[in-house]
Amino acid sequence: MKDANKIVELIKSAKKIVITSHRSPDGDSIGSSLALYRFIQALGCSADICHPDPCPSFIEWAKGDAVILDFEENEAEVTRKMEAADLIFCLDYNGANRLGNAMGEILSSCKGTKVMIDHHLHPDDFVDVAVSEPDVCSTAQLIYELIDASGNLSLMNAEIGAPIYLGIMTDTGSFRFSSVTARTHEIIGGLIATGVNHTAVHEDTYDNNRLDKLKLRGHIIAERLEIIPEYKVAIISVTEDILKSFNYIKGDTEGLVNLALSIEGVEVAAFFTEKGDDVKMSFRSKGELAVNILASENFDGGGHKYAAGGINHDTIENTIAKFKSLLPKYF
């Protein structure tokens, strides 16, 4: 990482640091934010973590005693901290719009130095220092590379390492995606050597399910799954009414799109979630089929070749119909 030493010097010289990440947080955004936060503390400095919306329940455990302020519930405080910051980190996103319109506008107007650390394709020109490495499996791995390349690996411990492990684990489907390299496993070995309890990270993330969550997931698979065999596509969907009937909380449907992709004969999976007047979408694929182009060209989205997302301002029925109409063109 060529800018590692420069970034560490910016940390040491900053008076007020804010760490931001994208809307709809996941294991990588939470993990990379917490790892950087604890690394900054290990350097003898301090920071605030400010995200657009709350941490999903299934990774709440990772926060420990750290506080993540979310714009959704603490708009005034987050705004004040961002405007006062002389250094703002932009983790796991490649454009200010990924924070949502309101928080993204605040970020754009802030005078502090902005540093992006991200692994998504096609970054916008919105920061002063950009670390953009799409070939790396996760932003959490890039935080490890920052610590290593800046000569600070001696500061690595289980408190910094556990959220790095979390970010890599969740963004690689538990190390099974093609983005995993020998370097990824080398880093994982180093984390375990510093005391990271990898078994506990996995169990705390995936093996702590509420009964309502399991019933919701079962209902979606049993009642809301459609296979289109001629295109090797699986579609799952859920309405707001269904989510409410199962006492949904954020994170309950995490990973369902990957479950649909695991069905025999399926090479593309799409998950549609009704949210107010919009429909949020998650796409996954394997083999040679790319989903990021479909997402960017039709659903105001984007992402990686095999993992992308989007949004549509229409009913869930019309959105699914639109997706189906695009299958001959893309698959």
Foldseek 3Di string as FASTA:
>chain_A
DVCLQVVVVCLVPWQEEEEEEFPQDDLQSVLQRQLVQVVSVLVVGHYAYEYQDDDFPLCPVLCVPHDYHHCVVPVVVSLVRQQPTQEYEYEADQALCRRPDPRSVSNQPHPHAYEYQHQWPDHDPRGDHYHYHVLAQGSLVVSVVSCVVNPNCVSDAQSSLLSSLRGNCQSCVRVPHPSDDPVNVVVVVVNVVRPHPNVCSCCSNPVPDDPLLVVLLVCQVVPFWDADQVLLEIETEDEPVSCVVSVHTRPSCPPSQVVRCPPPSHFKYKYWYDDPQKIKMKIFGDDQAFDQVVQVVPFVWGTDRGIIIGMDRHDPVVVVVVVVVCSVVRD
